[in-house]
Amino acid sequence: GTNPGGIVAADLDVDGLPDLATANQDSADLSALRGLGAGAFAIDV
């Protein structure tokens, strides 16, 4: 998304790894980044 203005860490897929979510101000959407382990992340939703 564009211009992320807020962020939170949470286990969103209930796999025991922390994920990240950002509120993207200019694209009016939310991105959920899945935790891949070892502190790495990739866009999931």
PDB file of all heavy atoms in Angstrom:
ATOM      1  N   GLY A   1       0.823  -1.193   0.000  1.00  0.00           N
ATOM      2  CA  GLY A   1       0.000   0.000   0.000  1.00  0.00           C
ATOM      3  C   GLY A   1       0.863   1.250   0.000  1.00  0.00           C
ATOM      4  O   GLY A   1       2.100   1.180  -0.042  1.00  0.00           O
ATOM      5  N   THR A   2       0.212   2.410   0.089  1.00  0.00           N
ATOM      6  CA  THR A   2       0.909   3.688  -0.016  1.00  0.00           C
ATOM      7  C   THR A   2       0.778   4.490   1.271  1.00  0.00           C
ATOM      8  O   THR A   2      -0.311   4.643   1.816  1.00  0.00           O
ATOM      9  CB  THR A   2       0.333   4.515  -1.183  1.00  0.00           C
ATOM     10  OG1 THR A   2       0.333   3.720  -2.373  1.00  0.00           O
ATOM     11  CG2 THR A   2       1.170   5.756  -1.425  1.00  0.00           C
ATOM     12  N   ASN A   3       1.937   4.990   1.730  1.00  0.00           N
ATOM     13  CA  ASN A   3       2.011   5.852   2.911  1.00  0.00           C
ATOM     14  C   ASN A   3       1.482   5.163   4.168  1.00  0.00           C
ATOM     15  O   ASN A   3       0.499   5.609   4.779  1.00  0.00           O
ATOM     16  CB  ASN A   3       1.273   7.164   2.672  1.00  0.00           C
ATOM     17  CG  ASN A   3       1.587   8.207   3.736  1.00  0.00           C
ATOM     18  OD1 ASN A   3       2.517   8.057   4.519  1.00  0.00           O
ATOM     19  ND2 ASN A   3       0.786   9.257   3.764  1.00  0.00           N
ATOM     20  N   PRO A   4       2.144   4.088   4.607  1.00  0.00           N
ATOM     21  CA  PRO A   4       1.713   3.432   5.847  1.00  0.00           C
ATOM     22  C   PRO A   4       1.881   4.361   7.041  1.00  0.00           C
ATOM     23  O   PRO A   4       2.959   4.894   7.288  1.00  0.00           O
ATOM     24  CB  PRO A   4       2.636   2.209   5.945  1.00  0.00           C
ATOM     25  CG  PRO A   4       3.844   2.575   5.139  1.00  0.00           C
ATOM     26  CD  PRO A   4       3.334   3.444   4.026  1.00  0.00           C
ATOM     27  N   GLY A   5       0.779   4.565   7.779  1.00  0.00           N
ATOM     28  CA  GLY A   5       0.800   5.493   8.894  1.00  0.00           C
ATOM     29  C   GLY A   5       0.693   4.848  10.251  1.00  0.00           C
ATOM     30  O   GLY A   5       0.948   5.479  11.271  1.00  0.00           O
ATOM     31  N   GLY A   6       0.281   3.595  10.310  1.00  0.00           N
ATOM     32  CA  GLY A   6       0.165   2.869  11.568  1.00  0.00           C
ATOM     33  C   GLY A   6       0.664   1.453  11.384  1.00  0.00           C
ATOM     34  O   GLY A   6       0.604   0.898  10.277  1.00  0.00           O
ATOM     35  N   ILE A   7       1.159   0.845  12.466  1.00  0.00           N
ATOM     36  CA  ILE A   7       1.684  -0.513  12.385  1.00  0.00           C
ATOM     37  C   ILE A   7       1.422  -1.224  13.705  1.00  0.00           C
ATOM     38  O   ILE A   7       1.421  -0.604  14.776  1.00  0.00           O
ATOM     39  CB  ILE A   7       3.197  -0.505  12.059  1.00  0.00           C
ATOM     40  CG1 ILE A   7       3.700  -1.920  11.737  1.00  0.00           C
ATOM     41  CG2 ILE A   7       4.015   0.130  13.180  1.00  0.00           C
ATOM     42  CD1 ILE A   7       5.102  -1.936  11.121  1.00  0.00           C
ATOM     43  N   VAL A   8       1.168  -2.528  13.620  1.00  0.00           N
ATOM     44  CA  VAL A   8       0.982  -3.353  14.808  1.00  0.00           C
ATOM     45  C   VAL A   8       1.563  -4.728  14.530  1.00  0.00           C
ATOM     46  O   VAL A   8       1.532  -5.216  13.386  1.00  0.00           O
ATOM     47  CB  VAL A   8      -0.516  -3.448  15.184  1.00  0.00           C
ATOM     48  CG1 VAL A   8      -1.318  -4.218  14.145  1.00  0.00           C
ATOM     49  CG2 VAL A   8      -0.700  -4.053  16.565  1.00  0.00           C
ATOM     50  N   ALA A   9       2.139  -5.354  15.561  1.00  0.00           N
ATOM     51  CA  ALA A   9       2.628  -6.728  15.487  1.00  0.00           C
ATOM     52  C   ALA A   9       1.620  -7.639  16.172  1.00  0.00           C
ATOM     53  O   ALA A   9       1.185  -7.354  17.296  1.00  0.00           O
ATOM     54  CB  ALA A   9       3.998  -6.850  16.154  1.00  0.00           C
ATOM     55  N   ALA A  10       1.235  -8.718  15.495  1.00  0.00           N
ATOM     56  CA  ALA A  10       0.256  -9.655  16.049  1.00  0.00           C
ATOM     57  C   ALA A  10       0.355 -10.964  15.285  1.00  0.00           C
ATOM     58  O   ALA A  10       0.692 -10.970  14.094  1.00  0.00           O
ATOM     59  CB  ALA A  10      -1.155  -9.084  15.935  1.00  0.00           C
ATOM     60  N   ASP A  11       0.046 -12.072  15.942  1.00  0.00           N
ATOM     61  CA  ASP A  11       0.033 -13.368  15.266  1.00  0.00           C
ATOM     62  C   ASP A  11      -1.314 -13.535  14.581  1.00  0.00           C
ATOM     63  O   ASP A  11      -2.274 -14.042  15.153  1.00  0.00           O
ATOM     64  CB  ASP A  11       0.278 -14.494  16.275  1.00  0.00           C
ATOM     65  CG  ASP A  11       0.345 -15.857  15.623  1.00  0.00           C
ATOM     66  OD1 ASP A  11       0.329 -15.927  14.374  1.00  0.00           O
ATOM     67  OD2 ASP A  11       0.402 -16.868  16.354  1.00  0.00           O
ATOM     68  N   LEU A  12      -1.392 -13.121  13.326  1.00  0.00           N
ATOM     69  CA  LEU A  12      -2.666 -13.055  12.619  1.00  0.00           C
ATOM     70  C   LEU A  12      -3.083 -14.381  12.000  1.00  0.00           C
ATOM     71  O   LEU A  12      -4.273 -14.608  11.777  1.00  0.00           O
ATOM     72  CB  LEU A  12      -2.590 -11.974  11.536  1.00  0.00           C
ATOM     73  CG  LEU A  12      -2.335 -10.557  12.056  1.00  0.00           C
ATOM     74  CD1 LEU A  12      -2.105  -9.600  10.891  1.00  0.00           C
ATOM     75  CD2 LEU A  12      -3.484 -10.078  12.934  1.00  0.00           C
ATOM     76  N   ASP A  13      -2.122 -15.251  11.690  1.00  0.00           N
ATOM     77  CA  ASP A  13      -2.471 -16.542  11.104  1.00  0.00           C
ATOM     78  C   ASP A  13      -2.397 -17.677  12.119  1.00  0.00           C
ATOM     79  O   ASP A  13      -2.564 -18.842  11.773  1.00  0.00           O
ATOM     80  CB  ASP A  13      -1.591 -16.856   9.891  1.00  0.00           C
ATOM     81  CG  ASP A  13      -0.100 -16.749  10.210  1.00  0.00           C
ATOM     82  OD1 ASP A  13       0.246 -16.536  11.385  1.00  0.00           O
ATOM     83  OD2 ASP A  13       0.708 -16.873   9.269  1.00  0.00           O
ATOM     84  N   VAL A  14      -2.167 -17.357  13.371  1.00  0.00           N
ATOM     85  CA  VAL A  14      -2.192 -18.306  14.489  1.00  0.00           C
ATOM     86  C   VAL A  14      -1.219 -19.457  14.251  1.00  0.00           C
ATOM     87  O   VAL A  14      -1.541 -20.621  14.466  1.00  0.00           O
ATOM     88  CB  VAL A  14      -3.630 -18.827  14.743  1.00  0.00           C
ATOM     89  CG1 VAL A  14      -3.757 -19.388  16.162  1.00  0.00           C
ATOM     90  CG2 VAL A  14      -4.664 -17.744  14.556  1.00  0.00           C
ATOM     91  N   ASP A  15      -0.004 -19.108  13.790  1.00  0.00           N
ATOM     92  CA  ASP A  15       1.010 -20.137  13.563  1.00  0.00           C
ATOM     93  C   ASP A  15       2.157 -20.036  14.561  1.00  0.00           C
ATOM     94  O   ASP A  15       3.151 -20.749  14.436  1.00  0.00           O
ATOM     95  CB  ASP A  15       1.548 -20.053  12.133  1.00  0.00           C
ATOM     96  CG  ASP A  15       2.352 -18.781  11.871  1.00  0.00           C
ATOM     97  OD1 ASP A  15       2.305 -17.856  12.709  1.00  0.00           O
ATOM     98  OD2 ASP A  15       3.017 -18.713  10.814  1.00  0.00           O
ATOM     99  N   GLY A  16       2.024 -19.150  15.546  1.00  0.00           N
ATOM    100  CA  GLY A  16       3.068 -19.006  16.546  1.00  0.00           C
ATOM    101  C   GLY A  16       4.155 -18.032  16.181  1.00  0.00           C
ATOM    102  O   GLY A  16       5.087 -17.830  16.967  1.00  0.00           O
ATOM    103  N   LEU A  17       4.060 -17.393  15.016  1.00  0.00           N
ATOM    104  CA  LEU A  17       5.034 -16.389  14.594  1.00  0.00           C
ATOM    105  C   LEU A  17       4.362 -15.026  14.515  1.00  0.00           C
ATOM    106  O   LEU A  17       3.223 -14.922  14.046  1.00  0.00           O
ATOM    107  CB  LEU A  17       5.617 -16.741  13.216  1.00  0.00           C
ATOM    108  CG  LEU A  17       6.421 -18.025  13.097  1.00  0.00           C
ATOM    109  CD1 LEU A  17       6.763 -18.295  11.632  1.00  0.00           C
ATOM    110  CD2 LEU A  17       7.695 -17.944  13.930  1.00  0.00           C
ATOM    111  N   PRO A  18       5.034 -13.969  14.941  1.00  0.00           N
ATOM    112  CA  PRO A  18       4.434 -12.639  14.833  1.00  0.00           C
ATOM    113  C   PRO A  18       4.358 -12.178  13.390  1.00  0.00           C
ATOM    114  O   PRO A  18       5.283 -12.381  12.599  1.00  0.00           O
ATOM    115  CB  PRO A  18       5.382 -11.757  15.643  1.00  0.00           C
ATOM    116  CG  PRO A  18       6.686 -12.472  15.607  1.00  0.00           C
ATOM    117  CD  PRO A  18       6.373 -13.933  15.566  1.00  0.00           C
ATOM    118  N   ASP A  19       3.244 -11.569  13.049  1.00  0.00           N
ATOM    119  CA  ASP A  19       3.032 -10.947  11.755  1.00  0.00           C
ATOM    120  C   ASP A  19       2.973  -9.430  11.961  1.00  0.00           C
ATOM    121  O   ASP A  19       2.988  -8.939  13.093  1.00  0.00           O
ATOM    122  CB  ASP A  19       1.736 -11.459  11.125  1.00  0.00           C
ATOM    123  CG  ASP A  19       1.660 -12.982  11.127  1.00  0.00           C
ATOM    124  OD1 ASP A  19       2.559 -13.618  10.540  1.00  0.00           O
ATOM    125  OD2 ASP A  19       0.715 -13.533  11.740  1.00  0.00           O
ATOM    126  N   LEU A  20       2.917  -8.681  10.870  1.00  0.00           N
ATOM    127  CA  LEU A  20       2.795  -7.234  10.928  1.00  0.00           C
ATOM    128  C   LEU A  20       1.598  -6.786  10.111  1.00  0.00           C
ATOM    129  O   LEU A  20       1.269  -7.398   9.086  1.00  0.00           O
ATOM    130  CB  LEU A  20       4.058  -6.554  10.388  1.00  0.00           C
ATOM    131  CG  LEU A  20       5.358  -6.780  11.152  1.00  0.00           C
ATOM    132  CD1 LEU A  20       6.537  -6.180  10.381  1.00  0.00           C
ATOM    133  CD2 LEU A  20       5.281  -6.179  12.552  1.00  0.00           C
ATOM    134  N   ALA A  21       0.948  -5.715  10.551  1.00  0.00           N
ATOM    135  CA  ALA A  21      -0.127  -5.098   9.769  1.00  0.00           C
ATOM    136  C   ALA A  21       0.107  -3.598   9.735  1.00  0.00           C
ATOM    137  O   ALA A  21       0.487  -2.991  10.746  1.00  0.00           O
ATOM    138  CB  ALA A  21      -1.491  -5.406  10.377  1.00  0.00           C
ATOM    139  N   THR A  22      -0.106  -3.006   8.565  1.00  0.00           N
ATOM    140  CA  THR A  22       0.039  -1.554   8.414  1.00  0.00           C
ATOM    141  C   THR A  22      -1.249  -0.956   7.867  1.00  0.00           C
ATOM    142  O   THR A  22      -1.927  -1.558   7.028  1.00  0.00           O
ATOM    143  CB  THR A  22       1.202  -1.185   7.469  1.00  0.00           C
ATOM    144  OG1 THR A  22       0.938  -1.696   6.147  1.00  0.00           O
ATOM    145  CG2 THR A  22       2.520  -1.737   7.986  1.00  0.00           C
ATOM    146  N   ALA A  23      -1.575   0.237   8.355  1.00  0.00           N
ATOM    147  CA  ALA A  23      -2.685   1.028   7.826  1.00  0.00           C
ATOM    148  C   ALA A  23      -2.110   2.001   6.808  1.00  0.00           C
ATOM    149  O   ALA A  23      -1.289   2.857   7.162  1.00  0.00           O
ATOM    150  CB  ALA A  23      -3.386   1.772   8.952  1.00  0.00           C
ATOM    151  N   ASN A  24      -2.516   1.864   5.551  1.00  0.00           N
ATOM    152  CA  ASN A  24      -1.918   2.615   4.448  1.00  0.00           C
ATOM    153  C   ASN A  24      -2.817   3.791   4.065  1.00  0.00           C
ATOM    154  O   ASN A  24      -3.878   3.618   3.465  1.00  0.00           O
ATOM    155  CB  ASN A  24      -1.697   1.684   3.255  1.00  0.00           C
ATOM    156  CG  ASN A  24      -0.911   0.449   3.646  1.00  0.00           C
ATOM    157  OD1 ASN A  24       0.087   0.530   4.361  1.00  0.00           O
ATOM    158  ND2 ASN A  24      -1.359  -0.718   3.184  1.00  0.00           N
ATOM    159  N   GLN A  25      -2.359   5.001   4.406  1.00  0.00           N
ATOM    160  CA  GLN A  25      -3.223   6.172   4.352  1.00  0.00           C
ATOM    161  C   GLN A  25      -3.665   6.545   2.941  1.00  0.00           C
ATOM    162  O   GLN A  25      -4.835   6.835   2.692  1.00  0.00           O
ATOM    163  CB  GLN A  25      -2.494   7.361   4.995  1.00  0.00           C
ATOM    164  CG  GLN A  25      -2.158   7.132   6.466  1.00  0.00           C
ATOM    165  CD  GLN A  25      -1.318   8.246   7.037  1.00  0.00           C
ATOM    166  OE1 GLN A  25      -1.849   9.222   7.559  1.00  0.00           O
ATOM    167  NE2 GLN A  25      -0.004   8.123   6.927  1.00  0.00           N
ATOM    168  N   ASP A  26      -2.740   6.551   1.986  1.00  0.00           N
ATOM    169  CA  ASP A  26      -3.068   7.075   0.663  1.00  0.00           C
ATOM    170  C   ASP A  26      -3.722   6.056  -0.258  1.00  0.00           C
ATOM    171  O   ASP A  26      -4.303   6.439  -1.290  1.00  0.00           O
ATOM    172  CB  ASP A  26      -1.808   7.631  -0.008  1.00  0.00           C
ATOM    173  CG  ASP A  26      -1.289   8.878   0.681  1.00  0.00           C
ATOM    174  OD1 ASP A  26      -1.972   9.387   1.599  1.00  0.00           O
ATOM    175  OD2 ASP A  26      -0.176   9.340   0.335  1.00  0.00           O
ATOM    176  N   SER A  27      -3.642   4.774   0.078  1.00  0.00           N
ATOM    177  CA  SER A  27      -4.288   3.749  -0.749  1.00  0.00           C
ATOM    178  C   SER A  27      -5.533   3.177  -0.092  1.00  0.00           C
ATOM    179  O   SER A  27      -6.168   2.275  -0.652  1.00  0.00           O
ATOM    180  CB  SER A  27      -3.301   2.623  -1.072  1.00  0.00           C
ATOM    181  OG  SER A  27      -2.652   2.142   0.091  1.00  0.00           O
ATOM    182  N   ALA A  28      -5.901   3.675   1.083  1.00  0.00           N
ATOM    183  CA  ALA A  28      -7.135   3.284   1.775  1.00  0.00           C
ATOM    184  C   ALA A  28      -7.242   1.777   1.935  1.00  0.00           C
ATOM    185  O   ALA A  28      -8.276   1.170   1.647  1.00  0.00           O
ATOM    186  CB  ALA A  28      -8.360   3.838   1.037  1.00  0.00           C
ATOM    187  N   ASP A  29      -6.165   1.187   2.411  1.00  0.00           N
ATOM    188  CA  ASP A  29      -6.186  -0.252   2.631  1.00  0.00           C
ATOM    189  C   ASP A  29      -5.286  -0.636   3.797  1.00  0.00           C
ATOM    190  O   ASP A  29      -4.574   0.199   4.370  1.00  0.00           O
ATOM    191  CB  ASP A  29      -5.805  -1.019   1.356  1.00  0.00           C
ATOM    192  CG  ASP A  29      -4.492  -0.570   0.733  1.00  0.00           C
ATOM    193  OD1 ASP A  29      -3.602  -0.098   1.462  1.00  0.00           O
ATOM    194  OD2 ASP A  29      -4.347  -0.688  -0.502  1.00  0.00           O
ATOM    195  N   LEU A  30      -5.360  -1.892   4.154  1.00  0.00           N
ATOM    196  CA  LEU A  30      -4.532  -2.471   5.206  1.00  0.00           C
ATOM    197  C   LEU A  30      -3.719  -3.602   4.615  1.00  0.00           C
ATOM    198  O   LEU A  30      -4.241  -4.429   3.859  1.00  0.00           O
ATOM    199  CB  LEU A  30      -5.397  -2.984   6.357  1.00  0.00           C
ATOM    200  CG  LEU A  30      -4.640  -3.724   7.467  1.00  0.00           C
ATOM    201  CD1 LEU A  30      -5.128  -3.287   8.843  1.00  0.00           C
ATOM    202  CD2 LEU A  30      -4.750  -5.243   7.332  1.00  0.00           C
ATOM    203  N   SER A  31      -2.436  -3.626   4.952  1.00  0.00           N
ATOM    204  CA  SER A  31      -1.554  -4.706   4.518  1.00  0.00           C
ATOM    205  C   SER A  31      -1.224  -5.595   5.694  1.00  0.00           C
ATOM    206  O   SER A  31      -0.884  -5.104   6.781  1.00  0.00           O
ATOM    207  CB  SER A  31      -0.248  -4.141   3.939  1.00  0.00           C
ATOM    208  OG  SER A  31      -0.489  -3.354   2.807  1.00  0.00           O
ATOM    209  N   ALA A  32      -1.318  -6.895   5.492  1.00  0.00           N
ATOM    210  CA  ALA A  32      -0.900  -7.876   6.486  1.00  0.00           C
ATOM    211  C   ALA A  32       0.312  -8.611   5.943  1.00  0.00           C
ATOM    212  O   ALA A  32       0.255  -9.218   4.867  1.00  0.00           O
ATOM    213  CB  ALA A  32      -2.026  -8.854   6.792  1.00  0.00           C
ATOM    214  N   LEU A  33       1.419  -8.520   6.662  1.00  0.00           N
ATOM    215  CA  LEU A  33       2.665  -9.156   6.275  1.00  0.00           C
ATOM    216  C   LEU A  33       2.878 -10.378   7.155  1.00  0.00           C
ATOM    217  O   LEU A  33       2.951 -10.271   8.386  1.00  0.00           O
ATOM    218  CB  LEU A  33       3.852  -8.201   6.433  1.00  0.00           C
ATOM    219  CG  LEU A  33       4.022  -7.108   5.371  1.00  0.00           C
ATOM    220  CD1 LEU A  33       2.914  -6.065   5.453  1.00  0.00           C
ATOM    221  CD2 LEU A  33       5.374  -6.433   5.533  1.00  0.00           C
ATOM    222  N   ARG A  34       2.961 -11.525   6.511  1.00  0.00           N
ATOM    223  CA  ARG A  34       3.109 -12.768   7.263  1.00  0.00           C
ATOM    224  C   ARG A  34       4.544 -12.933   7.732  1.00  0.00           C
ATOM    225  O   ARG A  34       5.501 -12.715   6.986  1.00  0.00           O
ATOM    226  CB  ARG A  34       2.711 -13.955   6.396  1.00  0.00           C
ATOM    227  CG  ARG A  34       2.710 -15.260   7.177  1.00  0.00           C
ATOM    228  CD  ARG A  34       2.377 -16.448   6.318  1.00  0.00           C
ATOM    229  NE  ARG A  34       2.507 -17.668   7.093  1.00  0.00           N
ATOM    230  CZ  ARG A  34       2.779 -18.865   6.577  1.00  0.00           C
ATOM    231  NH1 ARG A  34       2.943 -18.981   5.279  1.00  0.00           N
ATOM    232  NH2 ARG A  34       2.886 -19.911   7.353  1.00  0.00           N
ATOM    233  N   GLY A  35       4.695 -13.319   9.010  1.00  0.00           N
ATOM    234  CA  GLY A  35       6.007 -13.633   9.543  1.00  0.00           C
ATOM    235  C   GLY A  35       6.514 -14.954   8.994  1.00  0.00           C
ATOM    236  O   GLY A  35       5.839 -15.980   9.085  1.00  0.00           O
ATOM    237  N   LEU A  36       7.712 -14.921   8.411  1.00  0.00           N
ATOM    238  CA  LEU A  36       8.292 -16.112   7.789  1.00  0.00           C
ATOM    239  C   LEU A  36       9.274 -16.817   8.715  1.00  0.00           C
ATOM    240  O   LEU A  36       9.790 -17.875   8.367  1.00  0.00           O
ATOM    241  CB  LEU A  36       9.008 -15.721   6.488  1.00  0.00           C
ATOM    242  CG  LEU A  36       8.172 -14.967   5.460  1.00  0.00           C
ATOM    243  CD1 LEU A  36       9.029 -14.574   4.266  1.00  0.00           C
ATOM    244  CD2 LEU A  36       6.970 -15.791   5.026  1.00  0.00           C
ATOM    245  N   GLY A  37       9.530 -16.225   9.882  1.00  0.00           N
ATOM    246  CA  GLY A  37      10.545 -16.741  10.787  1.00  0.00           C
ATOM    247  C   GLY A  37      11.815 -15.925  10.661  1.00  0.00           C
ATOM    248  O   GLY A  37      12.097 -15.306   9.625  1.00  0.00           O
ATOM    249  N   ALA A  38      12.595 -15.899  11.733  1.00  0.00           N
ATOM    250  CA  ALA A  38      13.874 -15.191  11.781  1.00  0.00           C
ATOM    251  C   ALA A  38      13.720 -13.691  11.540  1.00  0.00           C
ATOM    252  O   ALA A  38      14.669 -13.030  11.117  1.00  0.00           O
ATOM    253  CB  ALA A  38      14.870 -15.792  10.787  1.00  0.00           C
ATOM    254  N   GLY A  39      12.519 -13.169  11.769  1.00  0.00           N
ATOM    255  CA  GLY A  39      12.301 -11.735  11.630  1.00  0.00           C
ATOM    256  C   GLY A  39      12.101 -11.253  10.219  1.00  0.00           C
ATOM    257  O   GLY A  39      12.216 -10.050   9.958  1.00  0.00           O
ATOM    258  N   ALA A  40      11.786 -12.151   9.287  1.00  0.00           N
ATOM    259  CA  ALA A  40      11.517 -11.783   7.895  1.00  0.00           C
ATOM    260  C   ALA A  40      10.012 -11.795   7.645  1.00  0.00           C
ATOM    261  O   ALA A  40       9.258 -12.535   8.299  1.00  0.00           O
ATOM    262  CB  ALA A  40      12.211 -12.745   6.942  1.00  0.00           C
ATOM    263  N   PHE A  41       9.575 -11.003   6.651  1.00  0.00           N
ATOM    264  CA  PHE A  41       8.143 -10.834   6.400  1.00  0.00           C
ATOM    265  C   PHE A  41       7.868 -10.738   4.902  1.00  0.00           C
ATOM    266  O   PHE A  41       8.726 -10.326   4.121  1.00  0.00           O
ATOM    267  CB  PHE A  41       7.620  -9.564   7.094  1.00  0.00           C
ATOM    268  CG  PHE A  41       7.747  -9.618   8.587  1.00  0.00           C
ATOM    269  CD1 PHE A  41       8.921  -9.212   9.208  1.00  0.00           C
ATOM    270  CD2 PHE A  41       6.721 -10.113   9.365  1.00  0.00           C
ATOM    271  CE1 PHE A  41       9.057  -9.289  10.587  1.00  0.00           C
ATOM    272  CE2 PHE A  41       6.850 -10.200  10.736  1.00  0.00           C
ATOM    273  CZ  PHE A  41       8.016  -9.784  11.353  1.00  0.00           C
ATOM    274  N   ALA A  42       6.653 -11.114   4.523  1.00  0.00           N
ATOM    275  CA  ALA A  42       6.210 -10.987   3.131  1.00  0.00           C
ATOM    276  C   ALA A  42       4.727 -10.660   3.126  1.00  0.00           C
ATOM    277  O   ALA A  42       3.966 -11.129   3.989  1.00  0.00           O
ATOM    278  CB  ALA A  42       6.471 -12.273   2.357  1.00  0.00           C
ATOM    279  N   ILE A  43       4.292  -9.881   2.134  1.00  0.00           N
ATOM    280  CA  ILE A  43       2.882  -9.507   2.029  1.00  0.00           C
ATOM    281  C   ILE A  43       2.029 -10.757   1.839  1.00  0.00           C
ATOM    282  O   ILE A  43       2.312 -11.604   0.993  1.00  0.00           O
ATOM    283  CB  ILE A  43       2.662  -8.559   0.839  1.00  0.00           C
ATOM    284  CG1 ILE A  43       3.451  -7.263   1.022  1.00  0.00           C
ATOM    285  CG2 ILE A  43       1.176  -8.246   0.675  1.00  0.00           C
ATOM    286  CD1 ILE A  43       3.478  -6.406  -0.220  1.00  0.00           C
ATOM    287  N   ASP A  44       0.974 -10.854   2.641  1.00  0.00           N
ATOM    288  CA  ASP A  44       0.040 -11.967   2.511  1.00  0.00           C
ATOM    289  C   ASP A  44      -1.338 -11.486   2.066  1.00  0.00           C
ATOM    290  O   ASP A  44      -1.977 -12.109   1.232  1.00  0.00           O
ATOM    291  CB  ASP A  44      -0.071 -12.716   3.842  1.00  0.00           C
ATOM    292  CG  ASP A  44      -0.589 -14.138   3.688  1.00  0.00           C
ATOM    293  OD1 ASP A  44      -0.786 -14.565   2.533  1.00  0.00           O
ATOM    294  OD2 ASP A  44      -0.795 -14.816   4.702  1.00  0.00           O
ATOM    295  N   VAL A  45      -1.789 -10.373   2.628  1.00  0.00           N
ATOM    296  CA  VAL A  45      -3.132  -9.857   2.355  1.00  0.00           C
ATOM    297  C   VAL A  45      -3.074  -8.342   2.264  1.00  0.00           C
ATOM    298  O   VAL A  45      -2.383  -7.692   3.054  1.00  0.00           O
ATOM    299  CB  VAL A  45      -4.118 -10.271   3.470  1.00  0.00           C
ATOM    300  CG1 VAL A  45      -5.443  -9.531   3.331  1.00  0.00           C
ATOM    301  CG2 VAL A  45      -4.367 -11.774   3.458  1.00  0.00           C
TER     302      VAL A  45
END
